[in-house]
């Protein structure tokens, strides 16, 4: 038998598929069990928030003018004094929705808005507090209506993705919609009802990965390899998150919003909020893990397709040469994404002039640093794990199958 025909001889593809199924099926069953056991009941817990009979109609600006108002504590100057008079923007709007449609009402705009921000015709959202036995009807300015521009931006994103990536891009967008549905329908209500946050994060993340990977990249051993690598990365991230939260005494209550959430949910002891931090760590790593594991699996598949005599060891070395470049760029992506989101806080700390050693050890920054480092470690370790799995799997497949999967399931971010 000539050496050129050897690569086309199946070297256990059926056995390989059985082994991968033996690994994946328990993960799928555990995911389904987690979803069933943790699924929210639909009964919202008592939060102490008083329900107010209010409506949020849209309105168009008819007139906006600057006036002078009395200062309050919210207008406090850097020297600590409260000015007697401050600038206010009075807005006359025409209501568009509900039984008050066509009426004109006068409201005070948010302090951050100026007359230039509210030209005639600007679409805004109001708060209408309905009359009660003891209170008269009241109107207030809620915010500028941004649904239209955000909708246009989302549509532009979808068009660009589909135009560049074709049907695969369309499937990726569908997968993204399903992923956010899992977050909205399962994860958030389950967390609000007090389900274990780490379990919710792992179950929800696993369900998302099952859907988006196979939907975007098709059913193949290569996609399954990437999925196994993703699960390995998620497991490492979750374990490191638990260790980091305990070692650094991260309570999960470091900002005013988190403290308010702890108050409203009765979790001032921080146990649930610490778990929420862990859930966030797992969820935050999904997108990048998906990216690197698919990239590594694709790289190994292409290396094998190009070299019929490649061994698992040589494929691992070749895949890791690509993986090391990916590690460097992706770690920057995670770090700068967090830095960009925390920029206002960084500026505030610059104003306070606190020592940097004290700053990075404070609760809020320690939490974000731990989140970034844990996610990055899980990401970095997922690359060799995925590469090793891919190298072991692809060398047991006939070359024609490797090339067929390479041509029909090319990688797309």
Protein backbone atom coordinates (compact mmCIF):
# COMPACT_ATOMS: atom_id res chain seq x y z
CA UNK A 1 0.00 0.00 0.00
CA UNK A 2 1.47 3.35 -0.99
CA UNK A 3 2.01 6.09 1.60
CA UNK A 4 -0.21 8.48 -0.33
CA UNK A 5 -3.26 6.33 0.25
CA UNK A 6 -2.68 5.90 3.97
CA UNK A 7 -4.11 9.29 5.04
CA UNK A 8 -7.41 8.50 3.34
CA UNK A 9 -7.86 5.31 5.31
CA UNK A 10 -10.17 5.88 8.29
CA UNK A 11 -8.22 5.46 11.51
CA UNK A 12 -11.12 5.16 13.87
CA UNK A 13 -13.49 8.01 12.91
CA UNK A 14 -16.48 6.10 14.26
CA UNK A 15 -14.70 5.35 17.52
CA UNK A 16 -13.65 8.99 17.77
CA UNK A 17 -17.23 10.14 17.29
CA UNK A 18 -18.37 7.71 19.99
CA UNK A 19 -15.76 9.00 22.45
CA UNK A 20 -16.71 12.63 21.79
CA UNK A 21 -20.38 11.79 22.17
CA UNK A 22 -19.58 10.07 25.46
CA UNK A 23 -18.08 13.36 26.64
CA UNK A 24 -20.72 15.64 25.17
CA UNK A 25 -23.92 13.77 26.01
CA UNK A 26 -23.39 13.98 29.79
CA UNK A 27 -22.70 17.70 29.40
CA UNK A 28 -25.93 18.09 27.42
CA UNK A 29 -27.91 16.11 30.00
CA UNK A 30 -26.39 18.15 32.83
CA UNK A 31 -27.32 21.36 30.99
CA UNK A 32 -30.92 20.25 30.49
CA UNK A 33 -31.14 19.13 34.13
CA UNK A 34 -29.74 22.46 35.26
CA UNK A 35 -32.26 24.38 33.17
CA UNK A 36 -35.15 22.30 34.54
CA UNK A 37 -34.08 22.48 38.18
CA UNK A 38 -33.14 26.15 38.11
CA UNK A 39 -35.93 27.38 35.85
CA UNK A 40 -37.67 30.40 37.45
CA UNK A 41 -41.16 29.87 38.80
CA UNK A 42 -42.41 33.19 37.48
CA UNK A 43 -43.32 34.48 40.93
CA UNK A 44 -41.34 37.67 41.39
CA UNK A 45 -39.94 37.96 44.92
CA UNK A 46 -40.95 40.83 47.17
CA UNK A 47 -38.37 43.58 46.78
CA UNK A 48 -39.96 46.38 48.75
CA UNK A 49 -40.36 48.44 45.59
CA UNK A 50 -43.75 50.14 45.66
CA UNK A 51 -45.65 49.79 42.42
CA UNK A 52 -46.81 53.18 41.17
CA UNK A 53 -49.60 53.57 38.66
CA UNK A 54 -47.60 55.22 35.90
CA UNK A 55 -47.43 55.39 32.12
CA UNK A 56 -44.50 56.18 29.83
CA UNK A 57 -45.93 57.90 26.73
CA UNK A 58 -43.84 59.28 23.90
CA UNK A 59 -43.91 62.97 23.06
CA UNK A 60 -42.38 65.48 20.64
CA UNK A 61 -40.64 68.63 21.80
CA UNK A 62 -42.57 71.78 20.90
CA UNK A 63 -40.39 74.28 22.73
CA UNK A 64 -37.35 74.24 25.01
CA UNK A 65 -36.01 77.22 26.89
CA UNK A 66 -33.45 77.81 29.60
CA UNK A 67 -34.63 79.15 32.93
CA UNK A 68 -33.21 79.69 36.39
CA UNK A 69 -34.11 77.39 39.27
CA UNK A 70 -33.19 77.07 42.91
CA UNK A 71 -30.14 74.91 43.60
CA UNK A 72 -30.37 71.58 45.43
CA UNK A 73 -27.85 69.17 46.96
CA UNK A 74 -27.46 67.54 43.55
CA UNK A 75 -26.02 70.83 42.25
CA UNK A 76 -23.26 70.97 44.87
CA UNK A 77 -20.06 72.63 43.61
CA UNK A 78 -16.53 71.20 44.00
CA UNK A 79 -15.96 73.45 47.02
CA UNK A 80 -19.00 71.93 48.76
CA UNK A 81 -21.37 74.89 48.43
CA UNK A 82 -24.84 74.72 46.90
CA UNK A 83 -25.57 77.58 44.48
CA UNK A 84 -28.73 79.58 45.04
CA UNK A 85 -29.66 79.49 41.35
CA UNK A 86 -28.82 76.96 38.63
CA UNK A 87 -29.65 76.49 34.97
CA UNK A 88 -32.78 74.48 34.20
CA UNK A 89 -34.39 73.58 30.89
CA UNK A 90 -38.15 73.92 30.63
CA UNK A 91 -39.64 71.78 27.85
CA UNK A 92 -43.10 71.95 26.30
CA UNK A 93 -44.02 68.69 24.58
CA UNK A 94 -46.95 67.26 22.64
CA UNK A 95 -48.04 63.86 23.93
CA UNK A 96 -48.30 61.15 21.25
CA UNK A 97 -49.65 58.11 23.11
CA UNK A 98 -52.64 57.18 25.26
CA UNK A 99 -55.77 59.11 26.10
CA UNK A 100 -53.68 62.27 26.53
CA UNK A 101 -52.49 62.19 22.90
CA UNK A 102 -52.49 65.68 21.39
CA UNK A 103 -52.17 67.45 24.73
CA UNK A 104 -49.27 69.78 25.44
CA UNK A 105 -47.57 69.56 28.83
CA UNK A 106 -44.62 71.34 30.41
CA UNK A 107 -41.86 69.37 32.15
CA UNK A 108 -38.32 69.98 33.39
CA UNK A 109 -35.60 68.23 31.39
CA UNK A 110 -32.85 66.18 32.99
CA UNK A 111 -30.00 68.31 34.41
CA UNK A 112 -27.55 66.85 31.89
CA UNK A 113 -29.56 68.12 28.90
CA UNK A 114 -29.32 71.58 27.36
CA UNK A 115 -31.60 73.50 24.98
CA UNK A 116 -29.28 72.45 22.14
CA UNK A 117 -30.00 68.81 22.97
CA UNK A 118 -33.77 69.31 22.62
CA UNK A 119 -34.56 71.03 19.31
CA UNK A 120 -38.17 71.17 18.13
CA UNK A 121 -39.37 67.74 17.03
CA UNK A 122 -37.07 65.74 19.30
CA UNK A 123 -38.78 62.52 20.39
CA UNK A 124 -38.76 62.07 24.18
CA UNK A 125 -40.33 59.74 26.76
CA UNK A 126 -42.40 61.10 29.64
CA UNK A 127 -43.53 59.75 32.98
CA UNK A 128 -47.24 60.17 33.61
CA UNK A 129 -48.35 59.49 37.19
CA UNK A 130 -52.07 58.93 37.16
CA UNK A 131 -54.35 60.68 39.61
CA UNK A 132 -55.30 58.94 42.84
CA UNK A 133 -57.72 59.73 45.64
CA UNK A 134 -55.05 61.84 47.33
CA UNK A 135 -52.78 62.97 44.51
CA UNK A 136 -53.34 64.86 41.26
CA UNK A 137 -52.03 63.71 37.91
CA UNK A 138 -48.36 64.59 37.40
CA UNK A 139 -45.97 64.61 34.45
CA UNK A 140 -42.18 64.30 34.43
CA UNK A 141 -39.39 64.05 31.87
CA UNK A 142 -38.05 60.49 31.65
CA UNK A 143 -35.44 60.53 28.88
CA UNK A 144 -34.77 61.15 25.22
CA UNK A 145 -36.30 58.42 23.02
CA UNK A 146 -33.45 56.43 21.49
CA UNK A 147 -35.31 53.44 20.07
CA UNK A 148 -35.13 54.66 16.46
CA UNK A 149 -31.37 55.41 16.26
CA UNK A 150 -30.48 52.25 18.17
CA UNK A 151 -32.77 50.24 15.89
CA UNK A 152 -31.08 51.69 12.81
CA UNK A 153 -27.67 50.90 14.28
CA UNK A 154 -28.72 47.31 15.03
CA UNK A 155 -30.11 46.93 11.52
CA UNK A 156 -26.86 48.28 10.05
CA UNK A 157 -24.90 45.76 12.14
CA UNK A 158 -27.07 42.89 10.89
CA UNK A 159 -26.78 44.02 7.27
CA UNK A 160 -23.00 44.32 7.45
CA UNK A 161 -22.61 40.91 9.13
CA UNK A 162 -24.84 39.17 6.58
CA UNK A 163 -23.24 41.00 3.64
CA UNK A 164 -19.75 39.95 4.69
CA UNK A 165 -20.39 36.52 6.22
CA UNK A 166 -23.42 35.45 4.21
CA UNK A 167 -25.68 32.71 5.54
CA UNK A 168 -23.20 31.98 8.34
CA UNK A 169 -23.48 35.58 9.49
CA UNK A 170 -27.27 35.32 9.47
CA UNK A 171 -27.12 32.17 11.59
CA UNK A 172 -24.74 33.92 13.97
CA UNK A 173 -27.21 36.78 14.43
CA UNK A 174 -30.02 34.30 15.08
CA UNK A 175 -27.78 32.60 17.62
CA UNK A 176 -27.08 35.93 19.28
CA UNK A 177 -30.80 36.60 19.58
CA UNK A 178 -31.33 33.17 21.13
CA UNK A 179 -28.45 33.78 23.55
CA UNK A 180 -29.96 37.03 24.80
CA UNK A 181 -33.31 35.29 25.09
CA UNK A 182 -31.71 32.72 27.41
CA UNK A 183 -30.29 35.54 29.51
CA UNK A 184 -33.60 37.41 29.65
CA UNK A 185 -35.99 34.47 30.07
CA UNK A 186 -33.90 32.13 32.22
CA UNK A 187 -30.84 33.67 33.81
CA UNK A 188 -32.11 37.04 35.06
CA UNK A 189 -35.41 35.75 36.54
CA UNK A 190 -33.63 32.76 38.12
CA UNK A 191 -31.04 35.05 39.72
CA UNK A 192 -33.77 37.37 40.98
CA UNK A 193 -35.57 34.43 42.59
CA UNK A 194 -32.42 33.49 44.49
CA UNK A 195 -31.28 30.44 42.53
CA UNK A 196 -27.59 29.59 42.94
CA UNK A 197 -25.85 32.18 40.71
CA UNK A 198 -22.87 30.04 39.69
CA UNK A 199 -25.14 27.12 38.75
CA UNK A 200 -27.39 29.50 36.80
CA UNK A 201 -24.37 30.95 35.03
CA UNK A 202 -22.97 27.56 34.06
CA UNK A 203 -26.32 26.11 32.95
CA UNK A 204 -27.27 29.20 30.96
CA UNK A 205 -23.80 29.54 29.39
CA UNK A 206 -23.70 25.87 28.40
CA UNK A 207 -27.14 26.11 26.80
CA UNK A 208 -26.06 29.21 24.89
CA UNK A 209 -22.90 27.52 23.64
CA UNK A 210 -24.73 24.41 22.48
CA UNK A 211 -27.05 26.55 20.39
CA UNK A 212 -24.76 29.24 18.99
CA UNK A 213 -21.80 27.02 18.08
CA UNK A 214 -23.78 24.42 16.17
CA UNK A 215 -26.09 27.04 14.66
CA UNK A 216 -23.26 29.24 13.41
CA UNK A 217 -20.72 26.58 12.45
CA UNK A 218 -22.79 23.50 11.67
CA UNK A 219 -22.79 19.97 13.08
CA UNK A 220 -19.32 18.48 12.70
CA UNK A 221 -16.56 16.93 14.76
CA UNK A 222 -14.65 20.18 14.46
CA UNK A 223 -17.48 22.18 16.01
CA UNK A 224 -17.83 19.53 18.71
CA UNK A 225 -14.10 19.85 19.41
CA UNK A 226 -14.48 23.60 19.84
CA UNK A 227 -17.49 23.04 22.11
CA UNK A 228 -15.52 20.67 24.35
CA UNK A 229 -12.70 23.20 24.52
CA UNK A 230 -15.20 25.92 25.43
CA UNK A 231 -16.64 23.81 28.24
CA UNK A 232 -13.13 23.15 29.52
CA UNK A 233 -12.45 26.88 29.54
CA UNK A 234 -15.74 27.60 31.31
CA UNK A 235 -14.92 25.01 33.96
CA UNK A 236 -11.49 26.53 34.59
CA UNK A 237 -12.99 30.03 34.72
CA UNK A 238 -15.67 29.01 37.21
CA UNK A 239 -13.20 27.22 39.49
CA UNK A 240 -10.73 30.11 39.45
CA UNK A 241 -13.58 32.56 40.04
CA UNK A 242 -14.57 30.73 43.22
CA UNK A 243 -10.96 30.71 44.45
CA UNK A 244 -10.46 34.39 43.62
CA UNK A 245 -13.72 35.48 45.28
CA UNK A 246 -12.86 33.64 48.48
CA UNK A 247 -9.17 34.60 48.58
CA UNK A 248 -9.80 38.30 47.85
CA UNK A 249 -12.93 38.45 50.05
CA UNK A 250 -14.98 39.79 47.18
CA UNK A 251 -18.48 40.47 48.51
CA UNK A 252 -20.08 41.42 45.21
CA UNK A 253 -21.37 44.64 46.82
CA UNK A 254 -18.98 47.40 45.81
CA UNK A 255 -21.06 50.00 43.97
CA UNK A 256 -24.16 51.96 44.85
CA UNK A 257 -26.20 49.97 42.31
CA UNK A 258 -25.01 46.67 43.76
CA UNK A 259 -25.78 47.83 47.30
CA UNK A 260 -29.25 48.90 46.20
CA UNK A 261 -29.76 45.51 44.54
CA UNK A 262 -28.65 43.80 47.73
CA UNK A 263 -31.14 45.88 49.70
CA UNK A 264 -34.06 45.20 47.39
CA UNK A 265 -33.40 41.47 47.20
CA UNK A 266 -32.67 41.05 50.90
CA UNK A 267 -29.09 39.92 50.26
CA UNK A 268 -27.13 42.43 52.34
CA UNK A 269 -25.04 39.58 53.70
CA UNK A 270 -23.44 39.47 50.25
CA UNK A 271 -23.69 35.72 49.67
CA UNK A 272 -25.97 36.03 46.67
CA UNK A 273 -24.09 39.04 45.33
CA UNK A 274 -20.79 37.16 45.54
CA UNK A 275 -22.41 34.43 43.49
CA UNK A 276 -23.63 37.07 41.07
CA UNK A 277 -20.02 38.13 40.57
CA UNK A 278 -19.14 34.52 39.70
CA UNK A 279 -22.07 34.26 37.29
CA UNK A 280 -20.87 37.45 35.62
CA UNK A 281 -17.35 36.05 35.27
CA UNK A 282 -18.66 32.97 33.49
CA UNK A 283 -21.03 34.90 31.23
CA UNK A 284 -18.44 37.55 30.34
CA UNK A 285 -16.04 34.92 29.02
CA UNK A 286 -18.48 33.25 26.62
CA UNK A 287 -17.89 35.33 23.51
CA UNK A 288 -14.10 35.30 23.63
CA UNK A 289 -13.97 31.60 24.54
CA UNK A 290 -16.21 30.82 21.58
CA UNK A 291 -13.89 32.81 19.35
CA UNK A 292 -10.60 31.24 20.42
CA UNK A 293 -11.84 27.64 20.56
CA UNK A 294 -13.36 27.82 17.08
CA UNK A 295 -10.18 29.47 15.79
CA UNK A 296 -7.94 26.79 17.29
CA UNK A 297 -10.08 23.91 16.06
CA UNK A 298 -10.17 25.46 12.57
CA UNK A 299 -6.40 26.03 12.59
CA UNK A 300 -5.67 22.41 13.47
CA UNK A 301 -8.13 21.17 10.83
CA UNK A 302 -6.46 23.31 8.15
CA UNK A 303 -2.98 22.18 9.20
CA UNK A 304 -4.09 18.56 8.91
CA UNK A 305 -5.69 19.18 5.52
CA UNK A 306 -2.44 20.72 4.27
CA UNK A 307 -0.20 17.98 5.67
CA UNK A 308 -1.54 14.46 5.29
CA UNK A 309 1.31 12.97 7.34
CA UNK A 310 0.99 15.33 10.30
CA UNK A 311 1.11 13.73 13.73
CA UNK A 312 -0.86 14.89 16.79
CA UNK A 313 2.34 16.35 18.26
CA UNK A 314 3.20 18.34 15.13
CA UNK A 315 -0.38 19.57 14.80
CA UNK A 316 -0.36 20.66 18.44
CA UNK A 317 2.86 22.61 17.95
CA UNK A 318 1.57 24.23 14.77
CA UNK A 319 -1.77 25.07 16.34
CA UNK A 320 -0.09 26.61 19.38
CA UNK A 321 2.02 28.87 17.19
CA UNK A 322 -1.26 30.35 15.98
CA UNK A 323 -2.75 30.19 19.46
CA UNK A 324 0.05 32.21 21.04
CA UNK A 325 -0.62 35.11 18.66
CA UNK A 326 -4.32 34.82 19.43
CA UNK A 327 -3.64 34.83 23.18
CA UNK A 328 -1.71 38.09 22.99
CA UNK A 329 -4.38 39.94 20.99
CA UNK A 330 -7.33 38.54 22.93
CA UNK A 331 -5.92 39.37 26.36
CA UNK A 332 -5.62 42.95 25.20
CA UNK A 333 -9.22 42.80 24.02
CA UNK A 334 -10.51 41.73 27.43
CA UNK A 335 -8.37 44.18 29.41
CA UNK A 336 -9.22 47.21 27.30
CA UNK A 337 -12.90 46.31 27.14
CA UNK A 338 -13.04 46.48 30.95
CA UNK A 339 -10.89 49.63 31.02
CA UNK A 340 -13.21 51.36 28.56
CA UNK A 341 -16.29 50.42 30.56
CA UNK A 342 -14.66 51.65 33.79
CA UNK A 343 -13.28 54.89 32.34
CA UNK A 344 -15.62 57.22 34.32
CA UNK A 345 -14.59 55.49 37.55
CA UNK A 346 -10.91 55.78 36.60
CA UNK A 347 -11.36 59.51 36.03
CA UNK A 348 -13.15 59.89 39.35
CA UNK A 349 -10.28 58.19 41.15
CA UNK A 350 -7.85 60.47 39.34
CA UNK A 351 -9.81 63.40 40.78
CA UNK A 352 -9.62 61.90 44.28
CA UNK A 353 -5.83 61.43 43.88
CA UNK A 354 -5.79 58.18 45.83
CA UNK A 355 -2.60 56.07 45.81
CA UNK A 356 -2.74 53.45 43.05
CA UNK A 357 -1.94 50.62 45.44
CA UNK A 358 -4.93 51.63 47.53
CA UNK A 359 -7.09 52.13 44.44
CA UNK A 360 -6.60 48.71 42.86
CA UNK A 361 -7.19 47.03 46.21
CA UNK A 362 -10.53 48.74 46.75
CA UNK A 363 -13.63 46.58 46.42
CA UNK A 364 -14.86 47.83 43.08
CA UNK A 365 -11.49 47.67 41.34
CA UNK A 366 -10.48 44.41 42.98
CA UNK A 367 -13.67 42.88 41.64
CA UNK A 368 -13.03 44.06 38.08
CA UNK A 369 -9.37 43.06 38.22
CA UNK A 370 -10.31 39.61 39.48
CA UNK A 371 -12.96 39.32 36.77
CA UNK A 372 -10.45 40.27 34.07
CA UNK A 373 -7.66 38.02 35.31
CA UNK A 374 -9.89 35.00 35.93
CA UNK A 375 -11.47 35.35 32.48
CA UNK A 376 -8.07 35.76 30.87
CA UNK A 377 -6.60 32.69 32.60
CA UNK A 378 -9.58 30.58 31.54
CA UNK A 379 -9.22 31.91 28.00
CA UNK A 380 -5.48 31.21 27.83
CA UNK A 381 -5.83 27.66 29.16
CA UNK A 382 -8.72 26.93 26.77
CA UNK A 383 -6.37 27.38 23.81
CA UNK A 384 -3.94 24.50 24.53
CA UNK A 385 -6.81 22.34 25.76
CA UNK A 386 -8.77 22.86 22.53
CA UNK A 387 -5.66 22.46 20.41
CA UNK A 388 -4.80 19.15 22.09
CA UNK A 389 -8.34 17.83 21.64
CA UNK A 390 -8.40 18.93 17.99
CA UNK A 391 -5.02 17.36 17.25
CA UNK A 392 -6.10 14.05 18.80
CA UNK A 393 -9.41 14.03 16.93
CA UNK A 394 -8.37 15.20 13.46
CA UNK A 395 -5.58 12.63 13.05
CA UNK A 396 -8.14 9.86 13.50
CA UNK A 397 -10.30 11.09 10.63
CA UNK A 398 -9.89 10.30 6.92
CA UNK A 399 -8.30 13.17 5.03
CA UNK A 400 -11.30 13.60 2.74
CA UNK A 401 -13.55 14.17 5.76
CA UNK A 402 -11.11 16.73 7.18
CA UNK A 403 -11.05 18.63 3.90
CA UNK A 404 -14.80 18.40 3.50
CA UNK A 405 -15.39 19.92 6.94
CA UNK A 406 -12.78 22.57 6.16
CA UNK A 407 -14.56 23.64 2.99
CA UNK A 408 -18.07 23.66 4.39
CA UNK A 409 -17.49 24.92 7.92
CA UNK A 410 -14.90 27.63 7.59
CA UNK A 411 -14.25 29.71 10.68
CA UNK A 412 -16.08 32.98 11.11
CA UNK A 413 -15.85 35.24 14.15
